[in-house]
Amino acid sequence: NYTEEAIERLGFIKKFQGIGCSIAELREV
């Protein structure tokens, strides 16, 4: 059961992946 916070989190992840962040960098960020 995903929360509304998940939408914001995924938007943040998409932005950072868009600038070329790896999964490891995303974890760190």
Full PDB file with SEQRES, HELIX, SHEET, SSBOND, CRYST1, ORIGX, SCALE, CONECT and MASTER records, all heavy atoms in Angstrom:
SEQRES   1 A   29  ASN TYR THR GLU GLU ALA ILE GLU ARG LEU GLY PHE ILE          
SEQRES   2 A   29  LYS LYS PHE GLN GLY ILE GLY CYS SER ILE ALA GLU LEU          
SEQRES   3 A   29  ARG GLU VAL                                                  
HELIX    1 AA1 GLU A    4  GLY A   18  1                                  15    
HELIX    2 AA2 ILE A   23  GLU A   28  1                                   6    
CRYST1    1.000    1.000    1.000  90.00  90.00  90.00 P 1           1          
ORIGX1      1.000000  0.000000  0.000000        0.00000                         
ORIGX2      0.000000  1.000000  0.000000        0.00000                         
ORIGX3      0.000000  0.000000  1.000000        0.00000                         
SCALE1      1.000000  0.000000  0.000000        0.00000                         
SCALE2      0.000000  1.000000  0.000000        0.00000                         
SCALE3      0.000000  0.000000  1.000000        0.00000                         
ATOM      1  N   ASN A   1       0.872  -1.172   0.000  1.00  0.00           N  
ATOM      2  CA  ASN A   1       0.000   0.000   0.000  1.00  0.00           C  
ATOM      3  C   ASN A   1       0.910   1.223   0.000  1.00  0.00           C  
ATOM      4  O   ASN A   1       1.606   1.483   0.975  1.00  0.00           O  
ATOM      5  CB  ASN A   1      -0.919  -0.021   1.218  1.00  0.00           C  
ATOM      6  CG  ASN A   1      -1.918   1.117   1.200  1.00  0.00           C  
ATOM      7  OD1 ASN A   1      -2.012   1.862   0.234  1.00  0.00           O  
ATOM      8  ND2 ASN A   1      -2.656   1.250   2.285  1.00  0.00           N  
ATOM      9  N   TYR A   2       0.923   1.950  -1.110  1.00  0.00           N  
ATOM     10  CA  TYR A   2       1.822   3.094  -1.258  1.00  0.00           C  
ATOM     11  C   TYR A   2       1.152   4.358  -0.751  1.00  0.00           C  
ATOM     12  O   TYR A   2      -0.050   4.564  -0.923  1.00  0.00           O  
ATOM     13  CB  TYR A   2       2.230   3.247  -2.723  1.00  0.00           C  
ATOM     14  CG  TYR A   2       3.074   2.093  -3.200  1.00  0.00           C  
ATOM     15  CD1 TYR A   2       2.488   0.961  -3.745  1.00  0.00           C  
ATOM     16  CD2 TYR A   2       4.459   2.116  -3.073  1.00  0.00           C  
ATOM     17  CE1 TYR A   2       3.252  -0.114  -4.167  1.00  0.00           C  
ATOM     18  CE2 TYR A   2       5.228   1.043  -3.490  1.00  0.00           C  
ATOM     19  CZ  TYR A   2       4.620  -0.064  -4.038  1.00  0.00           C  
ATOM     20  OH  TYR A   2       5.383  -1.121  -4.441  1.00  0.00           O  
ATOM     21  N   THR A   3       1.948   5.208  -0.115  1.00  0.00           N  
ATOM     22  CA  THR A   3       1.445   6.449   0.454  1.00  0.00           C  
ATOM     23  C   THR A   3       1.547   7.580  -0.573  1.00  0.00           C  
ATOM     24  O   THR A   3       2.212   7.448  -1.601  1.00  0.00           O  
ATOM     25  CB  THR A   3       2.263   6.839   1.699  1.00  0.00           C  
ATOM     26  OG1 THR A   3       3.605   7.144   1.285  1.00  0.00           O  
ATOM     27  CG2 THR A   3       2.277   5.728   2.738  1.00  0.00           C  
ATOM     28  N   GLU A   4       0.907   8.683  -0.273  1.00  0.00           N  
ATOM     29  CA  GLU A   4       0.993   9.867  -1.127  1.00  0.00           C  
ATOM     30  C   GLU A   4       2.435  10.384  -1.187  1.00  0.00           C  
ATOM     31  O   GLU A   4       2.848  10.936  -2.199  1.00  0.00           O  
ATOM     32  CB  GLU A   4       0.052  10.963  -0.615  1.00  0.00           C  
ATOM     33  CG  GLU A   4      -1.421  10.650  -0.793  1.00  0.00           C  
ATOM     34  CD  GLU A   4      -1.860  10.564  -2.246  1.00  0.00           C  
ATOM     35  OE1 GLU A   4      -1.381  11.364  -3.078  1.00  0.00           O  
ATOM     36  OE2 GLU A   4      -2.671   9.668  -2.567  1.00  0.00           O  
ATOM     37  N   GLU A   5       3.178  10.202  -0.110  1.00  0.00           N  
ATOM     38  CA  GLU A   5       4.591  10.607  -0.087  1.00  0.00           C  
ATOM     39  C   GLU A   5       5.408   9.914  -1.168  1.00  0.00           C  
ATOM     40  O   GLU A   5       6.411  10.444  -1.633  1.00  0.00           O  
ATOM     41  CB  GLU A   5       5.215  10.278   1.279  1.00  0.00           C  
ATOM     42  CG  GLU A   5       5.380  11.457   2.195  1.00  0.00           C  
ATOM     43  CD  GLU A   5       6.143  11.056   3.444  1.00  0.00           C  
ATOM     44  OE1 GLU A   5       5.495  10.595   4.396  1.00  0.00           O  
ATOM     45  OE2 GLU A   5       7.389  11.203   3.450  1.00  0.00           O  
ATOM     46  N   ALA A   6       4.962   8.711  -1.546  1.00  0.00           N  
ATOM     47  CA  ALA A   6       5.683   7.949  -2.570  1.00  0.00           C  
ATOM     48  C   ALA A   6       5.683   8.682  -3.910  1.00  0.00           C  
ATOM     49  O   ALA A   6       6.661   8.621  -4.656  1.00  0.00           O  
ATOM     50  CB  ALA A   6       5.085   6.562  -2.720  1.00  0.00           C  
ATOM     51  N   ILE A   7       4.612   9.397  -4.220  1.00  0.00           N  
ATOM     52  CA  ILE A   7       4.536  10.141  -5.488  1.00  0.00           C  
ATOM     53  C   ILE A   7       5.633  11.201  -5.533  1.00  0.00           C  
ATOM     54  O   ILE A   7       6.364  11.319  -6.523  1.00  0.00           O  
ATOM     55  CB  ILE A   7       3.144  10.790  -5.660  1.00  0.00           C  
ATOM     56  CG1 ILE A   7       2.051   9.722  -5.700  1.00  0.00           C  
ATOM     57  CG2 ILE A   7       3.111  11.654  -6.929  1.00  0.00           C  
ATOM     58  CD1 ILE A   7       0.650  10.274  -5.558  1.00  0.00           C  
ATOM     59  N   GLU A   8       5.762  11.949  -4.443  1.00  0.00           N  
ATOM     60  CA  GLU A   8       6.797  12.987  -4.369  1.00  0.00           C  
ATOM     61  C   GLU A   8       8.194  12.365  -4.441  1.00  0.00           C  
ATOM     62  O   GLU A   8       9.076  12.853  -5.146  1.00  0.00           O  
ATOM     63  CB  GLU A   8       6.644  13.785  -3.069  1.00  0.00           C  
ATOM     64  CG  GLU A   8       7.657  14.888  -2.920  1.00  0.00           C  
ATOM     65  CD  GLU A   8       7.539  15.595  -1.578  1.00  0.00           C  
ATOM     66  OE1 GLU A   8       6.425  15.638  -1.014  1.00  0.00           O  
ATOM     67  OE2 GLU A   8       8.577  16.092  -1.096  1.00  0.00           O  
ATOM     68  N   ARG A   9       8.378  11.281  -3.734  1.00  0.00           N  
ATOM     69  CA  ARG A   9       9.679  10.605  -3.709  1.00  0.00           C  
ATOM     70  C   ARG A   9      10.069  10.130  -5.108  1.00  0.00           C  
ATOM     71  O   ARG A   9      11.193  10.310  -5.552  1.00  0.00           O  
ATOM     72  CB  ARG A   9       9.613   9.426  -2.741  1.00  0.00           C  
ATOM     73  CG  ARG A   9      10.891   8.662  -2.561  1.00  0.00           C  
ATOM     74  CD  ARG A   9      11.872   9.422  -1.719  1.00  0.00           C  
ATOM     75  NE  ARG A   9      12.814   8.539  -1.060  1.00  0.00           N  
ATOM     76  CZ  ARG A   9      13.454   8.844   0.045  1.00  0.00           C  
ATOM     77  NH1 ARG A   9      13.259  10.004   0.621  1.00  0.00           N  
ATOM     78  NH2 ARG A   9      14.301   8.008   0.574  1.00  0.00           N  
ATOM     79  N   LEU A  10       9.118   9.538  -5.820  1.00  0.00           N  
ATOM     80  CA  LEU A  10       9.398   9.048  -7.169  1.00  0.00           C  
ATOM     81  C   LEU A  10       9.678  10.202  -8.131  1.00  0.00           C  
ATOM     82  O   LEU A  10      10.534  10.079  -9.015  1.00  0.00           O  
ATOM     83  CB  LEU A  10       8.238   8.181  -7.675  1.00  0.00           C  
ATOM     84  CG  LEU A  10       8.097   6.843  -6.959  1.00  0.00           C  
ATOM     85  CD1 LEU A  10       6.796   6.151  -7.377  1.00  0.00           C  
ATOM     86  CD2 LEU A  10       9.291   5.938  -7.208  1.00  0.00           C  
ATOM     87  N   GLY A  11       9.005  11.323  -7.951  1.00  0.00           N  
ATOM     88  CA  GLY A  11       9.297  12.508  -8.767  1.00  0.00           C  
ATOM     89  C   GLY A  11      10.717  12.980  -8.541  1.00  0.00           C  
ATOM     90  O   GLY A  11      11.433  13.343  -9.487  1.00  0.00           O  
ATOM     91  N   PHE A  12      11.141  12.979  -7.298  1.00  0.00           N  
ATOM     92  CA  PHE A  12      12.511  13.351  -6.931  1.00  0.00           C  
ATOM     93  C   PHE A  12      13.506  12.393  -7.580  1.00  0.00           C  
ATOM     94  O   PHE A  12      14.499  12.814  -8.177  1.00  0.00           O  
ATOM     95  CB  PHE A  12      12.634  13.332  -5.402  1.00  0.00           C  
ATOM     96  CG  PHE A  12      13.909  13.890  -4.868  1.00  0.00           C  
ATOM     97  CD1 PHE A  12      14.062  15.248  -4.652  1.00  0.00           C  
ATOM     98  CD2 PHE A  12      14.979  13.039  -4.564  1.00  0.00           C  
ATOM     99  CE1 PHE A  12      15.250  15.761  -4.146  1.00  0.00           C  
ATOM    100  CE2 PHE A  12      16.163  13.537  -4.067  1.00  0.00           C  
ATOM    101  CZ  PHE A  12      16.302  14.906  -3.848  1.00  0.00           C  
ATOM    102  N   ILE A  13      13.213  11.093  -7.501  1.00  0.00           N  
ATOM    103  CA  ILE A  13      14.086  10.073  -8.090  1.00  0.00           C  
ATOM    104  C   ILE A  13      14.193  10.283  -9.599  1.00  0.00           C  
ATOM    105  O   ILE A  13      15.286  10.233 -10.168  1.00  0.00           O  
ATOM    106  CB  ILE A  13      13.572   8.658  -7.746  1.00  0.00           C  
ATOM    107  CG1 ILE A  13      13.771   8.373  -6.249  1.00  0.00           C  
ATOM    108  CG2 ILE A  13      14.265   7.595  -8.595  1.00  0.00           C  
ATOM    109  CD1 ILE A  13      13.049   7.137  -5.740  1.00  0.00           C  
ATOM    110  N   LYS A  14      13.057  10.520 -10.263  1.00  0.00           N  
ATOM    111  CA  LYS A  14      13.058  10.726 -11.714  1.00  0.00           C  
ATOM    112  C   LYS A  14      13.933  11.922 -12.103  1.00  0.00           C  
ATOM    113  O   LYS A  14      14.689  11.855 -13.067  1.00  0.00           O  
ATOM    114  CB  LYS A  14      11.633  10.949 -12.217  1.00  0.00           C  
ATOM    115  CG  LYS A  14      10.839   9.680 -12.381  1.00  0.00           C  
ATOM    116  CD  LYS A  14       9.389   9.926 -12.705  1.00  0.00           C  
ATOM    117  CE  LYS A  14       9.148  10.627 -14.008  1.00  0.00           C  
ATOM    118  NZ  LYS A  14       7.718  10.659 -14.376  1.00  0.00           N  
ATOM    119  N   LYS A  15      13.835  12.998 -11.348  1.00  0.00           N  
ATOM    120  CA  LYS A  15      14.650  14.181 -11.645  1.00  0.00           C  
ATOM    121  C   LYS A  15      16.128  13.862 -11.546  1.00  0.00           C  
ATOM    122  O   LYS A  15      16.915  14.235 -12.410  1.00  0.00           O  
ATOM    123  CB  LYS A  15      14.312  15.324 -10.685  1.00  0.00           C  
ATOM    124  CG  LYS A  15      13.024  16.011 -10.983  1.00  0.00           C  
ATOM    125  CD  LYS A  15      12.754  17.102  -9.978  1.00  0.00           C  
ATOM    126  CE  LYS A  15      11.339  17.646 -10.157  1.00  0.00           C  
ATOM    127  NZ  LYS A  15      10.985  18.599  -9.115  1.00  0.00           N  
ATOM    128  N   PHE A  16      16.504  13.166 -10.499  1.00  0.00           N  
ATOM    129  CA  PHE A  16      17.919  12.872 -10.294  1.00  0.00           C  
ATOM    130  C   PHE A  16      18.422  11.819 -11.277  1.00  0.00           C  
ATOM    131  O   PHE A  16      19.576  11.863 -11.682  1.00  0.00           O  
ATOM    132  CB  PHE A  16      18.203  12.498  -8.837  1.00  0.00           C  
ATOM    133  CG  PHE A  16      18.409  13.713  -7.986  1.00  0.00           C  
ATOM    134  CD1 PHE A  16      17.341  14.475  -7.560  1.00  0.00           C  
ATOM    135  CD2 PHE A  16      19.683  14.125  -7.648  1.00  0.00           C  
ATOM    136  CE1 PHE A  16      17.532  15.619  -6.807  1.00  0.00           C  
ATOM    137  CE2 PHE A  16      19.895  15.263  -6.883  1.00  0.00           C  
ATOM    138  CZ  PHE A  16      18.813  16.019  -6.458  1.00  0.00           C  
ATOM    139  N   GLN A  17      17.572  10.905 -11.676  1.00  0.00           N  
ATOM    140  CA  GLN A  17      17.991   9.956 -12.713  1.00  0.00           C  
ATOM    141  C   GLN A  17      18.148  10.686 -14.039  1.00  0.00           C  
ATOM    142  O   GLN A  17      19.008  10.344 -14.837  1.00  0.00           O  
ATOM    143  CB  GLN A  17      17.004   8.809 -12.834  1.00  0.00           C  
ATOM    144  CG  GLN A  17      17.196   7.784 -11.749  1.00  0.00           C  
ATOM    145  CD  GLN A  17      17.011   6.384 -12.237  1.00  0.00           C  
ATOM    146  OE1 GLN A  17      15.946   6.046 -12.714  1.00  0.00           O  
ATOM    147  NE2 GLN A  17      18.049   5.590 -12.118  1.00  0.00           N  
ATOM    148  N   GLY A  18      17.328  11.709 -14.240  1.00  0.00           N  
ATOM    149  CA  GLY A  18      17.411  12.505 -15.453  1.00  0.00           C  
ATOM    150  C   GLY A  18      18.730  13.228 -15.616  1.00  0.00           C  
ATOM    151  O   GLY A  18      19.155  13.529 -16.731  1.00  0.00           O  
ATOM    152  N   ILE A  19      19.403  13.517 -14.512  1.00  0.00           N  
ATOM    153  CA  ILE A  19      20.711  14.169 -14.609  1.00  0.00           C  
ATOM    154  C   ILE A  19      21.843  13.151 -14.549  1.00  0.00           C  
ATOM    155  O   ILE A  19      23.005  13.506 -14.453  1.00  0.00           O  
ATOM    156  CB  ILE A  19      20.918  15.267 -13.535  1.00  0.00           C  
ATOM    157  CG1 ILE A  19      20.866  14.695 -12.121  1.00  0.00           C  
ATOM    158  CG2 ILE A  19      19.931  16.392 -13.708  1.00  0.00           C  
ATOM    159  CD1 ILE A  19      21.358  15.661 -11.046  1.00  0.00           C  
ATOM    160  N   GLY A  20      21.475  11.881 -14.608  1.00  0.00           N  
ATOM    161  CA  GLY A  20      22.491  10.837 -14.725  1.00  0.00           C  
ATOM    162  C   GLY A  20      22.959  10.213 -13.430  1.00  0.00           C  
ATOM    163  O   GLY A  20      24.028   9.623 -13.386  1.00  0.00           O  
ATOM    164  N   CYS A  21      22.162  10.301 -12.377  1.00  0.00           N  
ATOM    165  CA  CYS A  21      22.552   9.676 -11.111  1.00  0.00           C  
ATOM    166  C   CYS A  21      22.373   8.164 -11.188  1.00  0.00           C  
ATOM    167  O   CYS A  21      21.362   7.665 -11.678  1.00  0.00           O  
ATOM    168  CB  CYS A  21      21.699  10.206  -9.964  1.00  0.00           C  
ATOM    169  SG  CYS A  21      22.147  11.841  -9.420  1.00  0.00           S  
ATOM    170  N   SER A  22      23.351   7.457 -10.688  1.00  0.00           N  
ATOM    171  CA  SER A  22      23.254   6.004 -10.576  1.00  0.00           C  
ATOM    172  C   SER A  22      22.377   5.669  -9.367  1.00  0.00           C  
ATOM    173  O   SER A  22      22.060   6.545  -8.556  1.00  0.00           O  
ATOM    174  CB  SER A  22      24.648   5.411 -10.364  1.00  0.00           C  
ATOM    175  OG  SER A  22      25.157   5.819  -9.100  1.00  0.00           O  
ATOM    176  N   ILE A  23      22.023   4.414  -9.239  1.00  0.00           N  
ATOM    177  CA  ILE A  23      21.237   3.970  -8.078  1.00  0.00           C  
ATOM    178  C   ILE A  23      22.019   4.237  -6.792  1.00  0.00           C  
ATOM    179  O   ILE A  23      21.451   4.701  -5.803  1.00  0.00           O  
ATOM    180  CB  ILE A  23      20.848   2.479  -8.198  1.00  0.00           C  
ATOM    181  CG1 ILE A  23      19.904   2.264  -9.391  1.00  0.00           C  
ATOM    182  CG2 ILE A  23      20.231   1.958  -6.915  1.00  0.00           C  
ATOM    183  CD1 ILE A  23      18.551   2.941  -9.266  1.00  0.00           C  
ATOM    184  N   ALA A  24      23.305   3.979  -6.819  1.00  0.00           N  
ATOM    185  CA  ALA A  24      24.136   4.224  -5.622  1.00  0.00           C  
ATOM    186  C   ALA A  24      24.119   5.711  -5.262  1.00  0.00           C  
ATOM    187  O   ALA A  24      23.992   6.062  -4.083  1.00  0.00           O  
ATOM    188  CB  ALA A  24      25.562   3.744  -5.868  1.00  0.00           C  
ATOM    189  N   GLU A  25      24.248   6.572  -6.263  1.00  0.00           N  
ATOM    190  CA  GLU A  25      24.197   8.013  -5.990  1.00  0.00           C  
ATOM    191  C   GLU A  25      22.823   8.421  -5.483  1.00  0.00           C  
ATOM    192  O   GLU A  25      22.717   9.246  -4.571  1.00  0.00           O  
ATOM    193  CB  GLU A  25      24.520   8.810  -7.260  1.00  0.00           C  
ATOM    194  CG  GLU A  25      25.971   8.830  -7.619  1.00  0.00           C  
ATOM    195  CD  GLU A  25      26.216   9.595  -8.899  1.00  0.00           C  
ATOM    196  OE1 GLU A  25      25.567   9.299  -9.921  1.00  0.00           O  
ATOM    197  OE2 GLU A  25      27.066  10.506  -8.875  1.00  0.00           O  
ATOM    198  N   LEU A  26      21.789   7.835  -6.064  1.00  0.00           N  
ATOM    199  CA  LEU A  26      20.431   8.142  -5.607  1.00  0.00           C  
ATOM    200  C   LEU A  26      20.257   7.775  -4.147  1.00  0.00           C  
ATOM    201  O   LEU A  26      19.673   8.543  -3.371  1.00  0.00           O  
ATOM    202  CB  LEU A  26      19.406   7.381  -6.447  1.00  0.00           C  
ATOM    203  CG  LEU A  26      18.929   8.089  -7.701  1.00  0.00           C  
ATOM    204  CD1 LEU A  26      18.176   7.129  -8.609  1.00  0.00           C  
ATOM    205  CD2 LEU A  26      18.064   9.275  -7.352  1.00  0.00           C  
ATOM    206  N   ARG A  27      20.767   6.609  -3.764  1.00  0.00           N  
ATOM    207  CA  ARG A  27      20.682   6.194  -2.357  1.00  0.00           C  
ATOM    208  C   ARG A  27      21.328   7.251  -1.466  1.00  0.00           C  
ATOM    209  O   ARG A  27      20.788   7.630  -0.435  1.00  0.00           O  
ATOM    210  CB  ARG A  27      21.382   4.858  -2.150  1.00  0.00           C  
ATOM    211  CG  ARG A  27      20.466   3.691  -2.155  1.00  0.00           C  
ATOM    212  CD  ARG A  27      21.161   2.430  -1.664  1.00  0.00           C  
ATOM    213  NE  ARG A  27      20.828   1.360  -2.573  1.00  0.00           N  
ATOM    214  CZ  ARG A  27      21.605   0.902  -3.532  1.00  0.00           C  
ATOM    215  NH1 ARG A  27      22.814   1.357  -3.704  1.00  0.00           N  
ATOM    216  NH2 ARG A  27      21.193  -0.056  -4.327  1.00  0.00           N  
ATOM    217  N   GLU A  28      22.508   7.697  -1.890  1.00  0.00           N  
ATOM    218  CA  GLU A  28      23.254   8.689  -1.120  1.00  0.00           C  
ATOM    219  C   GLU A  28      22.493  10.017  -1.032  1.00  0.00           C  
ATOM    220  O   GLU A  28      22.361  10.601   0.043  1.00  0.00           O  
ATOM    221  CB  GLU A  28      24.600   8.914  -1.818  1.00  0.00           C  
ATOM    222  CG  GLU A  28      25.713   9.359  -0.915  1.00  0.00           C  
ATOM    223  CD  GLU A  28      27.018   9.412  -1.700  1.00  0.00           C  
ATOM    224  OE1 GLU A  28      27.502   8.352  -2.147  1.00  0.00           O  
ATOM    225  OE2 GLU A  28      27.526  10.539  -1.846  1.00  0.00           O  
ATOM    226  N   VAL A  29      21.989  10.474  -2.162  1.00  0.00           N  
ATOM    227  CA  VAL A  29      21.253  11.742  -2.207  1.00  0.00           C  
ATOM    228  C   VAL A  29      20.004  11.653  -1.338  1.00  0.00           C  
ATOM    229  O   VAL A  29      19.708  12.569  -0.562  1.00  0.00           O  
ATOM    230  CB  VAL A  29      20.888  12.107  -3.666  1.00  0.00           C  
ATOM    231  CG1 VAL A  29      19.861  13.220  -3.717  1.00  0.00           C  
ATOM    232  CG2 VAL A  29      22.135  12.502  -4.446  1.00  0.00           C  
TER     233      VAL A  29                                                      
MASTER        0    0    0    2    0    0    0    6  232    1    0    3          
END                                                                             
